[in-house]
């Protein structure tokens, strides 16, 4: 054997031996999530991710937290390109818009349900597409009245009165709070989210709906007229500028110490307490008012979906099931209170804090998607993203005749449905 051949054999054997001692490359599970507005919730997420990695040697979980708007753009791009993260979080739109490229997660739902209880009814409205679960419910964002106890007491209202307000009674309270320099105000702008969370319950409370169960547009009704008439009368008592409010304006309005009340998920209270603002202990919550058709809360569910074209579908399912073991689901629920509630019926967080009391009854109430009584469809999601309801309310606020605003909304909705 010549020296060259011998040297070649030695080199090859060395490479094989070194290669055998190198650690195997970790399997990466990638997740795209909109950043959470409750810091404690993200802390629980990080702890659970660490636990999952510890129980799955060789697996690394990468979570990309991004702003909500960026997350929505990224998920659309990934669905179109059929490549991207393994798991994505959806706010409202996932299964309805991307059901054809999302993996079936019936098995994950069954596994979680066996331990943490069935998902809520509104979770099913959002999460099921074509008869299959295409999203795993993460959390429910409830919206209630966020108010300053001292200002309302100055206006002559105690807790029992506030908890039992009708919408007309809420209007009367707004008329008393404004002269005190502490108005009631909610977003009247074209943003989605904060506007829908108070406007949709108003429509429902007056018996109005966008479409019926057969997807016939029903916005043109006497009930819609009554709801908009109420909203127009309420607008006159609001703070200047609500027509231009953006996502955090309601928070800043209350945190400034000026605001008398708004409609919010509870994040204002949490931020005021975290920052130890002088008035944080005066911030409390009450149920949304009651209208002629009853009291309603919009069911705003966030879900996790798995791209069916991903390389780690089975591992992604393991991770989502692990997220919502009973222990982990309860940890999420307690960390998110009162801004975030669990969508799993077997999870009962602690409502011992008096400021959280108004959110406890929500768990036993029936919630619906903004489309209700119509099923969730791409048309309904587009109606949401195009802010048809907020624009209709805004048109009335600035002086457009109510029927003219309804006619505009009907035309827009019929183009979608």
Protein backbone atom coordinates (compact mmCIF):
# COMPACT_ATOMS: atom_id res chain seq x y z
CA UNK A 1 0.00 0.00 0.00
CA UNK A 2 1.58 3.30 -1.00
CA UNK A 3 1.80 6.26 1.34
CA UNK A 4 -0.89 8.22 -0.49
CA UNK A 5 -3.53 5.49 -0.09
CA UNK A 6 -2.59 5.01 3.56
CA UNK A 7 -2.89 8.74 4.20
CA UNK A 8 -6.29 8.83 2.51
CA UNK A 9 -7.57 5.98 4.68
CA UNK A 10 -6.37 7.76 7.82
CA UNK A 11 -8.13 11.00 6.80
CA UNK A 12 -11.42 9.23 6.04
CA UNK A 13 -11.35 7.32 9.33
CA UNK A 14 -10.61 10.54 11.22
CA UNK A 15 -13.58 12.31 9.66
CA UNK A 16 -15.89 9.39 10.50
CA UNK A 17 -14.68 9.24 14.09
CA UNK A 18 -14.99 13.00 14.64
CA UNK A 19 -18.41 13.03 13.02
CA UNK A 20 -19.63 10.31 15.32
CA UNK A 21 -18.73 12.38 18.37
CA UNK A 22 -20.54 15.56 17.21
CA UNK A 23 -23.97 16.20 18.77
CA UNK A 24 -26.92 15.72 16.49
CA UNK A 25 -28.48 18.93 15.20
CA UNK A 26 -31.55 19.96 17.20
CA UNK A 27 -34.96 19.68 15.57
CA UNK A 28 -36.40 23.19 15.53
CA UNK A 29 -40.10 23.91 16.00
CA UNK A 30 -40.84 27.45 14.84
CA UNK A 31 -43.81 29.52 16.04
CA UNK A 32 -45.14 32.87 14.86
CA UNK A 33 -47.11 34.77 17.50
CA UNK A 34 -48.45 38.27 17.92
CA UNK A 35 -46.91 39.79 21.02
CA UNK A 36 -49.15 39.49 24.07
CA UNK A 37 -50.18 42.63 25.92
CA UNK A 38 -49.97 40.89 29.30
CA UNK A 39 -46.34 40.45 30.31
CA UNK A 40 -47.09 37.68 32.82
CA UNK A 41 -48.76 35.61 30.08
CA UNK A 42 -45.59 35.65 27.97
CA UNK A 43 -43.56 34.67 31.04
CA UNK A 44 -45.74 31.57 31.47
CA UNK A 45 -45.30 30.83 27.76
CA UNK A 46 -41.49 30.89 28.15
CA UNK A 47 -41.63 28.58 31.16
CA UNK A 48 -43.83 26.05 29.35
CA UNK A 49 -41.56 26.14 26.29
CA UNK A 50 -38.59 25.34 28.54
CA UNK A 51 -40.50 22.44 30.09
CA UNK A 52 -41.37 21.09 26.63
CA UNK A 53 -37.74 21.27 25.49
CA UNK A 54 -36.63 19.50 28.68
CA UNK A 55 -39.10 16.67 28.04
CA UNK A 56 -38.13 16.45 24.35
CA UNK A 57 -34.33 16.16 24.12
CA UNK A 58 -33.06 17.32 20.77
CA UNK A 59 -35.97 19.70 20.20
CA UNK A 60 -35.57 23.48 20.19
CA UNK A 61 -38.66 25.73 20.17
CA UNK A 62 -38.23 29.15 18.54
CA UNK A 63 -41.01 31.68 19.16
CA UNK A 64 -41.03 34.79 16.99
CA UNK A 65 -43.08 37.44 18.78
CA UNK A 66 -44.07 40.25 16.44
CA UNK A 67 -46.57 43.11 16.35
CA UNK A 68 -50.14 42.15 15.46
CA UNK A 69 -50.07 43.88 12.06
CA UNK A 70 -46.78 42.23 11.11
CA UNK A 71 -48.06 38.85 12.22
CA UNK A 72 -51.11 39.15 9.98
CA UNK A 73 -48.96 40.07 6.97
CA UNK A 74 -46.53 37.24 7.63
CA UNK A 75 -49.26 34.60 7.99
CA UNK A 76 -50.81 35.66 4.66
CA UNK A 77 -47.41 35.52 2.94
CA UNK A 78 -46.63 32.08 4.39
CA UNK A 79 -49.99 30.68 3.34
CA UNK A 80 -49.41 31.94 -0.20
CA UNK A 81 -45.81 30.69 -0.42
CA UNK A 82 -46.61 27.43 1.40
CA UNK A 83 -43.53 27.75 3.54
CA UNK A 84 -42.73 29.38 6.84
CA UNK A 85 -43.27 28.68 10.53
CA UNK A 86 -44.65 25.39 11.84
CA UNK A 87 -47.26 27.00 14.12
CA UNK A 88 -48.99 30.36 13.79
CA UNK A 89 -51.35 32.23 16.07
CA UNK A 90 -54.54 33.66 14.58
CA UNK A 91 -56.73 36.46 15.84
CA UNK A 92 -60.22 35.73 14.49
CA UNK A 93 -59.36 34.97 10.89
CA UNK A 94 -57.31 31.75 10.70
CA UNK A 95 -59.56 28.78 9.91
CA UNK A 96 -62.01 30.81 7.81
CA UNK A 97 -59.32 32.25 5.56
CA UNK A 98 -56.64 29.54 5.61
CA UNK A 99 -58.55 26.34 6.32
CA UNK A 100 -57.38 24.69 3.10
CA UNK A 101 -53.73 24.89 4.16
CA UNK A 102 -54.12 24.22 7.88
CA UNK A 103 -53.66 20.77 9.37
CA UNK A 104 -56.59 18.93 10.94
CA UNK A 105 -56.20 19.14 14.74
CA UNK A 106 -59.21 17.07 15.82
CA UNK A 107 -56.83 14.76 17.68
CA UNK A 108 -55.23 17.64 19.60
CA UNK A 109 -58.64 19.02 20.60
CA UNK A 110 -59.69 15.58 21.86
CA UNK A 111 -56.49 15.17 23.87
CA UNK A 112 -56.78 18.59 25.53
CA UNK A 113 -60.52 18.19 26.16
CA UNK A 114 -59.93 14.96 28.09
CA UNK A 115 -57.90 16.89 30.64
CA UNK A 116 -58.91 20.57 30.47
CA UNK A 117 -62.57 20.32 29.46
CA UNK A 118 -64.34 20.92 26.16
CA UNK A 119 -63.60 24.10 24.23
CA UNK A 120 -66.26 26.79 24.56
CA UNK A 121 -69.00 27.08 21.97
CA UNK A 122 -67.57 30.25 20.45
CA UNK A 123 -64.20 28.47 20.12
CA UNK A 124 -65.93 25.98 17.87
CA UNK A 125 -67.49 28.77 15.80
CA UNK A 126 -64.01 30.10 15.11
CA UNK A 127 -61.93 26.92 15.13
CA UNK A 128 -63.94 24.52 12.94
CA UNK A 129 -63.80 24.80 9.17
CA UNK A 130 -65.36 22.27 6.82
CA UNK A 131 -66.33 20.06 9.76
CA UNK A 132 -62.74 19.81 11.03
CA UNK A 133 -60.88 21.62 13.77
CA UNK A 134 -58.25 23.78 12.05
CA UNK A 135 -57.20 25.80 15.08
CA UNK A 136 -56.52 25.12 18.76
CA UNK A 137 -58.12 27.79 21.02
CA UNK A 138 -55.58 29.72 23.07
CA UNK A 139 -57.51 32.40 24.91
CA UNK A 140 -60.63 34.53 24.93
CA UNK A 141 -60.43 38.32 25.17
CA UNK A 142 -63.53 39.56 27.03
CA UNK A 143 -64.56 43.20 27.02
CA UNK A 144 -66.38 44.79 29.91
CA UNK A 145 -66.81 48.32 31.22
CA UNK A 146 -63.56 49.66 32.69
CA UNK A 147 -64.41 52.58 34.98
CA UNK A 148 -63.12 54.87 37.73
CA UNK A 149 -65.00 54.13 40.94
CA UNK A 150 -64.34 57.58 42.44
CA UNK A 151 -65.66 59.45 39.39
CA UNK A 152 -68.81 57.35 39.19
CA UNK A 153 -69.42 57.80 42.91
CA UNK A 154 -69.11 61.55 42.39
CA UNK A 155 -71.79 61.23 39.69
CA UNK A 156 -74.03 59.37 42.13
CA UNK A 157 -73.50 55.74 41.11
CA UNK A 158 -72.67 52.76 43.32
CA UNK A 159 -71.49 49.32 42.26
CA UNK A 160 -74.96 47.74 42.11
CA UNK A 161 -76.24 50.50 39.83
CA UNK A 162 -73.25 50.23 37.51
CA UNK A 163 -73.53 46.46 37.30
CA UNK A 164 -77.19 46.66 36.31
CA UNK A 165 -77.14 49.46 33.75
CA UNK A 166 -79.17 49.37 30.59
CA UNK A 167 -77.66 51.06 27.55
CA UNK A 168 -80.00 54.00 28.08
CA UNK A 169 -78.85 54.11 31.70
CA UNK A 170 -75.22 54.09 30.52
CA UNK A 171 -76.06 57.06 28.30
CA UNK A 172 -77.55 58.92 31.28
CA UNK A 173 -74.38 58.24 33.26
CA UNK A 174 -72.24 59.55 30.39
CA UNK A 175 -74.27 62.77 30.43
CA UNK A 176 -73.45 63.20 34.14
CA UNK A 177 -69.75 62.32 33.88
CA UNK A 178 -68.92 64.65 31.01
CA UNK A 179 -69.58 67.91 32.94
CA UNK A 180 -67.35 66.55 35.72
CA UNK A 181 -64.46 66.41 33.23
CA UNK A 182 -64.35 62.61 33.15
CA UNK A 183 -66.22 61.47 30.03
CA UNK A 184 -67.13 57.98 28.90
CA UNK A 185 -65.28 57.29 25.64
CA UNK A 186 -64.67 54.42 23.22
CA UNK A 187 -62.98 54.28 19.83
CA UNK A 188 -65.16 55.50 16.95
CA UNK A 189 -62.36 55.13 14.41
CA UNK A 190 -61.71 52.61 11.64
CA UNK A 191 -59.48 50.34 13.69
CA UNK A 192 -60.58 46.76 14.30
CA UNK A 193 -60.74 45.26 17.75
CA UNK A 194 -61.46 48.07 20.21
CA UNK A 195 -64.28 49.40 18.04
CA UNK A 196 -65.93 46.03 17.39
CA UNK A 197 -65.74 44.98 21.04
CA UNK A 198 -68.26 47.63 22.06
CA UNK A 199 -70.16 48.26 18.80
CA UNK A 200 -71.08 44.63 18.04
CA UNK A 201 -72.60 44.08 21.53
CA UNK A 202 -74.60 47.31 21.07
CA UNK A 203 -76.00 46.05 17.76
CA UNK A 204 -76.90 42.68 19.29
CA UNK A 205 -78.43 44.30 22.38
CA UNK A 206 -80.83 46.18 20.09
CA UNK A 207 -81.57 43.03 18.04
CA UNK A 208 -79.41 43.90 15.01
CA UNK A 209 -77.15 41.51 13.06
CA UNK A 210 -75.01 41.74 9.94
CA UNK A 211 -76.39 38.57 8.33
CA UNK A 212 -78.61 35.61 9.16
CA UNK A 213 -77.67 31.93 9.41
CA UNK A 214 -78.23 31.52 5.68
CA UNK A 215 -75.81 34.40 4.93
CA UNK A 216 -78.54 36.83 3.90
CA UNK A 217 -77.49 40.39 4.77
CA UNK A 218 -79.88 41.75 7.42
CA UNK A 219 -78.24 45.00 8.51
CA UNK A 220 -81.08 47.13 7.11
CA UNK A 221 -83.57 46.91 9.96
CA UNK A 222 -85.37 49.00 12.53
CA UNK A 223 -83.16 47.37 15.16
CA UNK A 224 -79.99 48.66 13.49
CA UNK A 225 -81.58 52.10 13.26
CA UNK A 226 -82.29 52.05 17.01
CA UNK A 227 -78.73 50.93 17.83
CA UNK A 228 -77.20 53.69 15.71
CA UNK A 229 -79.55 56.28 17.16
CA UNK A 230 -78.35 55.27 20.62
CA UNK A 231 -74.70 55.44 19.54
CA UNK A 232 -75.21 58.89 18.04
CA UNK A 233 -76.67 60.20 21.28
CA UNK A 234 -73.82 58.63 23.26
CA UNK A 235 -71.15 60.15 21.00
CA UNK A 236 -72.00 63.71 22.05
CA UNK A 237 -70.74 62.99 25.58
CA UNK A 238 -67.42 61.44 24.53
CA UNK A 239 -63.96 62.96 24.63
CA UNK A 240 -62.79 64.87 21.55
CA UNK A 241 -60.79 62.83 19.09
CA UNK A 242 -62.41 59.40 19.45
CA UNK A 243 -62.97 59.35 15.67
CA UNK A 244 -59.18 59.16 15.29
CA UNK A 245 -58.35 56.81 18.17
CA UNK A 246 -55.94 53.97 17.48
CA UNK A 247 -55.33 50.73 19.33
CA UNK A 248 -53.88 52.10 22.56
CA UNK A 249 -55.92 55.30 22.83
CA UNK A 250 -58.52 53.89 25.24
CA UNK A 251 -55.70 52.71 27.53
CA UNK A 252 -54.00 56.12 27.51
CA UNK A 253 -57.35 57.83 28.07
CA UNK A 254 -57.93 55.90 31.30
CA UNK A 255 -54.31 55.77 32.45
CA UNK A 256 -54.06 59.57 32.15
CA UNK A 257 -56.52 59.92 35.00
CA UNK A 258 -59.04 61.80 32.85
CA UNK A 259 -61.25 58.97 31.63
CA UNK A 260 -64.44 58.07 33.43
CA UNK A 261 -65.05 54.79 31.59
CA UNK A 262 -64.35 52.84 28.43
CA UNK A 263 -64.84 49.27 27.17
CA UNK A 264 -61.72 47.14 27.52
CA UNK A 265 -60.51 43.62 28.17
CA UNK A 266 -58.84 44.47 31.48
CA UNK A 267 -55.42 45.48 30.19
CA UNK A 268 -55.85 49.05 31.51
CA UNK A 269 -56.14 47.84 35.08
CA UNK A 270 -53.14 45.53 34.72
CA UNK A 271 -50.94 48.30 33.29
CA UNK A 272 -52.00 50.82 35.93
CA UNK A 273 -51.22 48.33 38.70
CA UNK A 274 -47.90 47.31 37.15
CA UNK A 275 -46.82 50.95 36.85
CA UNK A 276 -48.20 51.72 40.32
CA UNK A 277 -50.12 54.73 39.09
CA UNK A 278 -51.65 56.84 41.88
CA UNK A 279 -55.20 55.97 40.86
CA UNK A 280 -54.81 52.30 39.94
CA UNK A 281 -56.87 51.09 42.90
CA UNK A 282 -59.80 53.21 41.70
CA UNK A 283 -60.01 51.30 38.41
CA UNK A 284 -62.67 48.61 38.37
CA UNK A 285 -64.84 46.66 35.93
CA UNK A 286 -68.54 46.07 35.38
CA UNK A 287 -70.60 44.01 32.91
CA UNK A 288 -71.62 45.56 29.62
CA UNK A 289 -75.09 47.13 29.75
CA UNK A 290 -78.34 45.41 28.78
CA UNK A 291 -80.41 46.37 25.74
CA UNK A 292 -83.93 45.51 24.54
CA UNK A 293 -82.68 42.13 23.24
CA UNK A 294 -80.46 41.35 26.24
CA UNK A 295 -76.82 41.56 27.32
CA UNK A 296 -74.12 40.29 24.98
CA UNK A 297 -70.36 39.87 24.96
CA UNK A 298 -68.49 39.42 21.73
CA UNK A 299 -66.43 36.21 21.71
CA UNK A 300 -62.97 37.17 20.51
CA UNK A 301 -60.91 33.97 20.38
CA UNK A 302 -57.23 33.56 19.55
CA UNK A 303 -56.13 30.20 18.10
CA UNK A 304 -52.98 28.34 17.11
CA UNK A 305 -52.89 26.68 13.71
CA UNK A 306 -50.42 24.29 12.09
CA UNK A 307 -49.49 24.68 8.42
CA UNK A 308 -50.16 21.34 6.76
CA UNK A 309 -47.21 21.92 4.43
CA UNK A 310 -44.78 22.19 7.36
CA UNK A 311 -42.06 19.63 8.13
CA UNK A 312 -43.00 19.20 11.80
CA UNK A 313 -46.76 18.64 11.86
CA UNK A 314 -46.64 15.79 14.40
CA UNK A 315 -44.21 17.62 16.70
CA UNK A 316 -46.36 20.75 16.45
CA UNK A 317 -49.40 18.75 17.57
CA UNK A 318 -47.42 17.41 20.56
CA UNK A 319 -46.46 20.94 21.52
CA UNK A 320 -50.01 22.32 21.33
CA UNK A 321 -51.35 19.44 23.42
CA UNK A 322 -48.57 20.10 25.96
CA UNK A 323 -49.47 23.81 26.12
CA UNK A 324 -52.91 23.02 27.44
CA UNK A 325 -52.48 20.25 29.93
CA UNK A 326 -54.66 21.18 32.89
CA UNK A 327 -51.69 22.54 34.84
CA UNK A 328 -50.44 24.67 31.96
CA UNK A 329 -53.89 25.87 30.91
CA UNK A 330 -54.58 27.04 34.47
CA UNK A 331 -51.22 28.83 34.60
CA UNK A 332 -52.10 30.71 31.40
CA UNK A 333 -55.57 31.56 32.72
CA UNK A 334 -54.34 32.97 36.02
CA UNK A 335 -51.51 34.92 34.37
CA UNK A 336 -53.83 36.57 31.85
CA UNK A 337 -56.61 37.68 34.23
CA UNK A 338 -58.64 39.71 33.68
CA UNK A 339 -57.55 40.58 30.14
CA UNK A 340 -57.43 36.98 28.93
CA UNK A 341 -59.74 34.08 29.86
CA UNK A 342 -59.36 30.40 29.12
CA UNK A 343 -61.47 28.97 26.27
CA UNK A 344 -61.39 25.52 27.94
CA UNK A 345 -64.49 24.84 30.05
CA UNK A 346 -62.66 22.75 32.64
CA UNK A 347 -60.30 25.58 33.60
CA UNK A 348 -61.45 27.86 36.43
CA UNK A 349 -59.01 30.64 37.28
CA UNK A 350 -59.11 32.56 40.54
CA UNK A 351 -61.32 35.67 40.61
CA UNK A 352 -60.47 36.57 44.21
CA UNK A 353 -59.33 40.06 43.23
CA UNK A 354 -62.45 42.30 43.45
CA UNK A 355 -61.36 44.07 40.26
CA UNK A 356 -61.70 40.76 38.39
CA UNK A 357 -65.20 39.99 39.67
CA UNK A 358 -67.03 41.33 36.61
CA UNK A 359 -65.19 38.89 34.35
CA UNK A 360 -66.19 35.74 36.24
CA UNK A 361 -69.79 35.54 34.90
CA UNK A 362 -68.48 35.72 31.33
CA UNK A 363 -67.25 32.13 31.57
CA UNK A 364 -70.83 30.94 31.93
CA UNK A 365 -72.34 33.21 29.28
CA UNK A 366 -72.93 32.47 25.62
CA UNK A 367 -70.62 34.41 23.33
CA UNK A 368 -70.59 34.59 19.60
CA UNK A 369 -68.36 35.69 16.78
CA UNK A 370 -69.13 39.08 15.16
CA UNK A 371 -70.80 37.17 12.28
CA UNK A 372 -73.47 35.64 14.51
CA UNK A 373 -76.02 34.28 13.76
CA UNK A 374 -74.26 33.70 10.43
CA UNK A 375 -71.47 31.11 10.47
CA UNK A 376 -67.86 32.30 10.35
CA UNK A 377 -66.90 32.80 6.71
CA UNK A 378 -64.28 34.66 4.71
CA UNK A 379 -66.99 37.26 4.02
CA UNK A 380 -67.49 37.93 7.71
CA UNK A 381 -63.74 38.14 8.32
CA UNK A 382 -63.41 40.67 5.49
CA UNK A 383 -66.30 42.68 6.94
CA UNK A 384 -64.29 42.81 10.17
CA UNK A 385 -60.96 43.75 8.57
CA UNK A 386 -62.60 46.40 6.37
CA UNK A 387 -64.15 47.92 9.52
CA UNK A 388 -67.63 48.16 7.98
CA UNK A 389 -69.37 48.41 11.35
CA UNK A 390 -67.02 51.06 12.81
CA UNK A 391 -67.25 53.11 9.62
CA UNK A 392 -71.07 52.92 9.75
CA UNK A 393 -71.06 54.12 13.37
CA UNK A 394 -68.58 56.86 12.51
CA UNK A 395 -70.64 58.14 9.59
CA UNK A 396 -73.61 58.60 11.90
CA UNK A 397 -71.44 60.30 14.54
CA UNK A 398 -70.33 63.00 12.10
CA UNK A 399 -73.83 63.73 10.90
CA UNK A 400 -74.79 61.34 8.11
CA UNK A 401 -78.49 60.40 8.31
CA UNK A 402 -78.85 57.03 10.00
CA UNK A 403 -80.66 55.34 7.12
CA UNK A 404 -78.04 56.55 4.66
CA UNK A 405 -75.28 54.99 6.79
CA UNK A 406 -77.22 51.72 6.97
CA UNK A 407 -77.68 51.74 3.19
CA UNK A 408 -73.94 52.20 2.76
CA UNK A 409 -73.17 49.30 5.11
CA UNK A 410 -75.72 47.05 3.39
CA UNK A 411 -74.10 47.71 0.00
CA UNK A 412 -70.65 46.92 1.38
CA UNK A 413 -71.82 43.72 3.08
CA UNK A 414 -73.70 42.46 0.01
CA UNK A 415 -70.51 42.76 -2.01
CA UNK A 416 -68.88 40.37 0.46
CA UNK A 417 -71.73 37.97 1.15
